[in-house]
Amino acid sequence: MLRKILPWRFQSFTNFLNENTNFVFRSVLNTPPIKCNPDAPVDYTSLVCHRDVNIYILATKSFLRFHNDVSVVVHSDGTLTQTDTTKLHDHIPGISIITRDQAEEKINAEVGSPLLKEVRKKDVSFIKIIDANLFSKKRKIIADSDLLFLRKPLEVIRWIGSGDVNPFHHINPVANKKFWGHLGELNKRLDTTIETLNYCSGFIGYSNQLTPEDIEQVTKELLAVGEGWGLEQCVYAFMLGQNSQELPPEKYLAVMDNPSDTDVRAATMIHFVGKLKHSQYLRLGRKTIKELATP
């Protein structure tokens, strides 16, 4: 009973760690900057909050150390401070940061849908799809902050360099369960032929421009089934999934449970869903920071 009335950060040790990731991974701020290329033909886009600034820097540098010919774009969820933006500019020279005020102005001017405005207000993750498409006209990669690239992501680097217009994604076998039982009905209503909903939007790439009208259509159908965690992810799944190439799942992992050492040895990228509930995230994050400090 006492646990329920405590603030979220005090309800478990994992919650406390996740609330304080900036402190846990503070040593990433001692690593040298890695510049990006603002004129690159591919945007590497992320939604970032104040709480996750240091893990975002760690995640993005872990990618840029292997390939930095991308334009790095951050969408603030509204909590980034001036100190945060200074850190981001210092550690990733050339980065573009879109403030919440800038985003609201563009949304109000260019999005007429009351539904999209309301769902975006309730679910900040919709910035990853609505705002990302309004602000970027390039081929784009959408990447979460709780990723670590352990080895060179050859498949993704080839996609960037080739100009490939086909999308890619990684999978989470236990994702989107709320919508699985409605898959047949949703396919019929959206004129899609998706066979599975294991799509994970934590690391995806695509080239086609998704319009507010198309996003609204899919969102409306999904909301008829339910809302909550995974809604934005399923919108992406129904808009891109049936033509999207699945990255090798043994190399691009989305883990709900702590990955084994065998999993880690095979992995190119690990998406730590739930962040510091995984001891491997702490270990591999520190290891990556050491590697970034001595490139």
Protein backbone atom coordinates (compact mmCIF):
# COMPACT_ATOMS: atom_id res chain seq x y z
CA MET A 1 0.00 0.00 0.00
CA LEU A 2 2.81 2.40 0.92
CA ARG A 3 4.51 1.66 -2.40
CA LYS A 4 1.48 2.90 -4.36
CA ILE A 5 1.52 6.32 -2.72
CA LEU A 6 5.28 6.82 -3.14
CA PRO A 7 6.56 8.82 -6.13
CA TRP A 8 7.38 6.53 -9.09
CA ARG A 9 11.13 6.96 -8.64
CA PHE A 10 10.99 5.52 -5.13
CA GLN A 11 8.78 2.52 -5.89
CA SER A 12 11.74 0.32 -6.83
CA PHE A 13 15.51 0.44 -7.11
CA THR A 14 15.20 0.10 -10.90
CA ASN A 15 12.91 3.12 -11.03
CA PHE A 16 15.40 5.08 -8.93
CA LEU A 17 18.24 4.18 -11.30
CA ASN A 18 16.17 5.07 -14.38
CA GLU A 19 15.25 8.42 -12.84
CA ASN A 20 18.95 9.13 -12.33
CA THR A 21 20.57 7.88 -15.53
CA ASN A 22 22.30 11.24 -15.99
CA PHE A 23 24.22 10.53 -12.79
CA VAL A 24 24.77 6.82 -13.49
CA PHE A 25 26.33 7.53 -16.91
CA ARG A 26 27.87 10.91 -16.08
CA SER A 27 31.32 9.72 -17.18
CA VAL A 28 30.16 9.87 -20.84
CA LEU A 29 30.63 13.63 -20.49
CA ASN A 30 34.39 13.02 -20.22
CA THR A 31 34.54 11.49 -23.70
CA PRO A 32 35.64 13.54 -26.73
CA PRO A 33 33.04 14.99 -29.10
CA ILE A 34 32.04 13.23 -32.31
CA LYS A 35 30.78 15.54 -35.02
CA CYS A 36 27.96 14.75 -37.39
CA ASN A 37 27.28 16.07 -40.89
CA PRO A 38 24.32 18.51 -40.99
CA ASP A 39 24.31 18.27 -44.80
CA ALA A 40 24.13 14.48 -44.93
CA PRO A 41 21.22 12.95 -46.88
CA VAL A 42 20.00 10.95 -43.86
CA ASP A 43 18.67 12.37 -40.57
CA TYR A 44 19.41 10.42 -37.38
CA THR A 45 16.45 11.56 -35.28
CA SER A 46 15.61 11.05 -31.60
CA LEU A 47 13.11 12.25 -29.04
CA VAL A 48 15.03 13.24 -25.89
CA CYS A 49 14.04 14.26 -22.37
CA HIS A 50 16.12 15.86 -19.62
CA ARG A 51 16.29 12.62 -17.66
CA ASP A 52 17.89 10.77 -20.58
CA VAL A 53 20.39 13.31 -21.93
CA ASN A 54 23.48 11.34 -20.93
CA ILE A 55 22.19 8.00 -22.17
CA TYR A 56 21.20 9.71 -25.42
CA ILE A 57 24.73 11.06 -25.80
CA LEU A 58 26.09 7.59 -25.06
CA ALA A 59 23.72 5.87 -27.50
CA THR A 60 24.31 8.34 -30.31
CA LYS A 61 28.08 8.43 -29.89
CA SER A 62 28.11 4.64 -29.87
CA PHE A 63 26.61 4.84 -33.38
CA LEU A 64 28.59 7.84 -34.65
CA ARG A 65 31.93 6.25 -33.76
CA PHE A 66 31.21 3.75 -36.54
CA HIS A 67 29.53 6.13 -39.00
CA ASN A 68 29.08 9.88 -38.57
CA ASP A 69 27.96 10.88 -42.08
CA VAL A 70 24.43 11.57 -40.83
CA SER A 71 22.60 14.69 -39.76
CA VAL A 72 21.77 14.30 -36.07
CA VAL A 73 18.43 15.78 -35.00
CA VAL A 74 16.98 15.96 -31.48
CA HIS A 75 13.35 16.70 -30.72
CA SER A 76 12.96 17.96 -27.15
CA ASP A 77 10.00 16.58 -25.22
CA GLY A 78 9.84 19.97 -23.51
CA THR A 79 12.08 19.18 -20.52
CA LEU A 80 15.51 19.90 -22.00
CA THR A 81 17.31 22.70 -20.16
CA GLN A 82 19.83 25.19 -21.51
CA THR A 83 22.54 23.12 -19.85
CA ASP A 84 21.23 20.04 -21.67
CA THR A 85 21.34 21.74 -25.06
CA THR A 86 24.86 22.99 -24.36
CA LYS A 87 25.95 19.42 -23.56
CA LEU A 88 24.39 18.14 -26.77
CA HIS A 89 26.08 20.78 -28.92
CA ASP A 90 29.42 20.19 -27.18
CA HIS A 91 29.36 16.41 -27.58
CA ILE A 92 27.83 16.18 -31.07
CA PRO A 93 28.98 19.23 -33.04
CA GLY A 94 26.57 19.98 -35.88
CA ILE A 95 23.54 18.61 -34.03
CA SER A 96 20.15 20.23 -34.65
CA ILE A 97 17.87 20.64 -31.63
CA ILE A 98 14.16 21.34 -32.12
CA THR A 99 12.60 22.87 -29.03
CA ARG A 100 9.09 22.12 -27.89
CA ASP A 101 8.07 25.72 -28.61
CA GLN A 102 9.34 25.46 -32.19
CA ALA A 103 7.49 22.19 -32.58
CA GLU A 104 4.22 23.56 -31.18
CA GLU A 105 4.34 26.49 -33.59
CA LYS A 106 4.77 24.17 -36.59
CA ILE A 107 2.14 21.72 -35.37
CA ASN A 108 -0.40 24.51 -34.92
CA ALA A 109 0.37 25.89 -38.38
CA GLU A 110 0.49 22.63 -40.35
CA VAL A 111 -1.54 19.97 -38.53
CA GLY A 112 -5.28 20.51 -38.71
CA SER A 113 -6.30 17.25 -37.08
CA PRO A 114 -7.71 17.67 -33.55
CA LEU A 115 -7.20 13.92 -33.06
CA LEU A 116 -3.45 14.06 -33.74
CA LYS A 117 -3.01 17.14 -31.58
CA GLU A 118 -4.82 15.46 -28.70
CA VAL A 119 -3.00 12.13 -28.95
CA ARG A 120 0.34 13.93 -29.22
CA LYS A 121 -0.49 15.89 -26.07
CA LYS A 122 -1.35 12.68 -24.18
CA ASP A 123 1.47 10.53 -25.60
CA VAL A 124 4.80 12.30 -26.09
CA SER A 125 6.10 9.38 -28.18
CA PHE A 126 3.95 10.65 -31.07
CA ILE A 127 6.57 13.37 -31.54
CA LYS A 128 8.66 10.53 -33.02
CA ILE A 129 6.23 10.19 -35.90
CA ILE A 130 4.28 13.46 -36.28
CA ASP A 131 7.08 15.95 -35.65
CA ALA A 132 9.78 13.83 -37.25
CA ASN A 133 7.89 13.90 -40.54
CA LEU A 134 6.98 17.57 -40.37
CA PHE A 135 10.54 18.71 -39.72
CA SER A 136 12.48 16.25 -41.88
CA LYS A 137 12.08 15.76 -45.60
CA LYS A 138 15.15 13.49 -45.86
CA ARG A 139 15.54 9.75 -45.55
CA LYS A 140 15.56 9.24 -41.84
CA ILE A 141 16.54 6.94 -39.00
CA ILE A 142 14.47 7.12 -35.83
CA ALA A 143 16.51 6.01 -32.81
CA ASP A 144 15.66 5.79 -29.12
CA SER A 145 18.01 6.82 -26.32
CA ASP A 146 18.29 3.39 -24.67
CA LEU A 147 20.40 1.82 -27.45
CA LEU A 148 24.02 0.71 -27.47
CA PHE A 149 25.93 -0.06 -30.65
CA LEU A 150 28.60 -2.56 -29.71
CA ARG A 151 29.91 -3.28 -33.21
CA LYS A 152 29.81 -1.66 -36.62
CA PRO A 153 26.21 -1.74 -37.90
CA LEU A 154 27.10 -2.80 -41.42
CA GLU A 155 23.53 -3.35 -42.58
CA VAL A 156 22.51 0.17 -41.55
CA ILE A 157 25.65 1.81 -42.95
CA ARG A 158 24.97 0.10 -46.29
CA TRP A 159 21.38 1.39 -46.19
CA ILE A 160 22.60 4.93 -45.55
CA GLY A 161 25.20 4.87 -48.31
CA SER A 162 23.15 3.09 -50.93
CA GLY A 163 20.24 5.51 -51.04
CA ASP A 164 17.93 2.53 -50.48
CA VAL A 165 14.31 3.71 -50.29
CA ASN A 166 13.02 0.54 -48.61
CA PRO A 167 12.45 0.85 -44.85
CA PHE A 168 14.06 -1.26 -42.14
CA HIS A 169 13.21 -2.05 -38.52
CA HIS A 170 14.21 -4.28 -35.64
CA ILE A 171 11.84 -6.52 -33.74
CA ASN A 172 10.63 -7.12 -30.22
CA PRO A 173 8.92 -10.52 -30.11
CA VAL A 174 6.72 -9.55 -27.16
CA ALA A 175 5.77 -6.03 -28.30
CA ASN A 176 2.31 -4.63 -29.00
CA LYS A 177 0.36 -7.47 -27.39
CA LYS A 178 -2.69 -5.26 -26.94
CA PHE A 179 -3.16 -5.21 -30.72
CA TRP A 180 -2.28 -8.81 -31.64
CA GLY A 181 -5.81 -10.14 -31.21
CA HIS A 182 -7.13 -7.45 -33.57
CA LEU A 183 -4.55 -7.94 -36.32
CA GLY A 184 -6.93 -9.48 -38.87
CA GLU A 185 -9.55 -6.80 -38.33
CA LEU A 186 -6.97 -3.99 -38.51
CA ASN A 187 -5.45 -5.40 -41.71
CA LYS A 188 -8.87 -5.38 -43.33
CA ARG A 189 -9.70 -1.84 -42.21
CA LEU A 190 -6.30 -0.43 -43.16
CA ASP A 191 -5.85 -2.50 -46.34
CA THR A 192 -2.59 -4.02 -45.06
CA THR A 193 -1.26 -7.58 -44.96
CA ILE A 194 0.87 -7.54 -41.81
CA GLU A 195 1.48 -11.06 -40.49
CA THR A 196 2.96 -10.14 -37.12
CA LEU A 197 3.12 -7.14 -34.79
CA ASN A 198 6.63 -7.68 -33.44
CA TYR A 199 7.66 -4.35 -35.00
CA CYS A 200 9.78 -2.13 -32.72
CA SER A 201 10.05 1.59 -33.50
CA GLY A 202 13.08 2.09 -31.22
CA PHE A 203 15.37 1.85 -34.24
CA ILE A 204 13.93 2.16 -37.73
CA GLY A 205 14.79 3.73 -41.08
CA TYR A 206 12.61 4.87 -43.97
CA SER A 207 12.45 7.27 -46.89
CA ASN A 208 8.82 7.94 -47.70
CA GLN A 209 7.13 10.98 -46.22
CA LEU A 210 4.28 10.14 -43.86
CA THR A 211 1.57 12.78 -44.03
CA PRO A 212 -0.58 13.92 -41.09
CA GLU A 213 -3.64 12.62 -42.97
CA ASP A 214 -2.16 9.11 -43.28
CA ILE A 215 -0.99 9.13 -39.66
CA GLU A 216 -4.45 10.21 -38.53
CA GLN A 217 -6.17 7.42 -40.46
CA VAL A 218 -4.05 4.68 -38.87
CA THR A 219 -4.14 6.26 -35.42
CA LYS A 220 -7.93 6.46 -35.49
CA GLU A 221 -8.27 2.75 -36.28
CA LEU A 222 -5.80 1.77 -33.57
CA LEU A 223 -7.47 3.96 -30.98
CA ALA A 224 -10.68 2.04 -31.62
CA VAL A 225 -8.81 -0.99 -30.23
CA GLY A 226 -7.04 0.72 -27.35
CA GLU A 227 -4.43 3.23 -26.34
CA GLY A 228 -1.40 3.36 -24.10
CA TRP A 229 2.16 2.15 -24.47
CA GLY A 230 2.99 0.97 -27.98
CA LEU A 231 0.38 3.00 -29.86
CA GLU A 232 2.89 5.13 -31.80
CA GLN A 233 4.92 1.98 -32.48
CA CYS A 234 1.90 0.26 -34.00
CA VAL A 235 1.12 3.29 -36.14
CA TYR A 236 4.60 2.93 -37.61
CA ALA A 237 4.08 -0.82 -37.98
CA PHE A 238 0.92 -0.44 -40.07
CA MET A 239 2.35 2.40 -42.15
CA LEU A 240 5.74 0.84 -42.91
CA GLY A 241 5.83 -2.72 -41.64
CA GLN A 242 4.63 -4.77 -44.56
CA ASN A 243 7.35 -3.40 -46.85
CA SER A 244 10.05 -3.08 -44.20
CA GLN A 245 13.18 -5.22 -44.04
CA GLU A 246 13.71 -6.85 -40.66
CA LEU A 247 17.23 -6.37 -39.33
CA PRO A 248 18.85 -9.66 -38.24
CA PRO A 249 17.28 -10.25 -34.80
CA GLU A 250 20.38 -11.89 -33.34
CA LYS A 251 22.40 -8.77 -34.24
CA TYR A 252 19.84 -6.04 -33.48
CA LEU A 253 18.22 -7.00 -30.20
CA ALA A 254 15.34 -5.47 -28.28
CA VAL A 255 15.57 -7.07 -24.85
CA MET A 256 12.90 -7.21 -22.17
CA ASP A 257 15.05 -9.45 -19.95
CA ASN A 258 18.73 -9.16 -19.17
CA PRO A 259 20.61 -10.50 -22.23
CA SER A 260 23.00 -13.38 -21.75
CA ASP A 261 26.72 -13.14 -22.46
CA THR A 262 26.07 -15.28 -25.55
CA ASP A 263 23.48 -12.76 -26.76
CA VAL A 264 25.92 -9.90 -26.18
CA ARG A 265 28.73 -11.60 -28.12
CA ALA A 266 26.47 -11.92 -31.18
CA ALA A 267 24.92 -8.44 -30.95
CA THR A 268 25.67 -5.41 -33.07
CA MET A 269 23.08 -3.27 -31.26
CA ILE A 270 21.08 -3.82 -28.11
CA HIS A 271 17.91 -1.88 -27.34
CA PHE A 272 17.53 -2.06 -23.56
CA VAL A 273 13.77 -1.77 -23.12
CA GLY A 274 13.30 -0.69 -19.52
CA LYS A 275 16.85 0.68 -19.37
CA LEU A 276 18.58 -0.03 -16.07
CA LYS A 277 16.49 -3.02 -15.13
CA HIS A 278 19.23 -4.78 -17.14
CA SER A 279 22.60 -5.20 -15.40
CA GLN A 280 24.14 -5.73 -18.85
CA TYR A 281 23.14 -2.18 -19.77
CA LEU A 282 25.18 -0.81 -16.89
CA ARG A 283 28.15 -3.05 -17.71
CA LEU A 284 28.12 -2.48 -21.46
CA GLY A 285 27.40 1.23 -21.07
CA ARG A 286 30.50 1.65 -18.93
CA LYS A 287 32.53 -0.47 -21.36
CA THR A 288 31.36 1.67 -24.30
CA ILE A 289 32.25 4.86 -22.43
CA LYS A 290 35.79 3.56 -21.94
CA GLU A 291 36.02 2.80 -25.66
CA LEU A 292 34.73 6.27 -26.53
CA ALA A 293 37.27 7.84 -24.20
CA THR A 294 40.15 6.16 -26.05
CA PRO A 295 39.05 5.92 -29.68
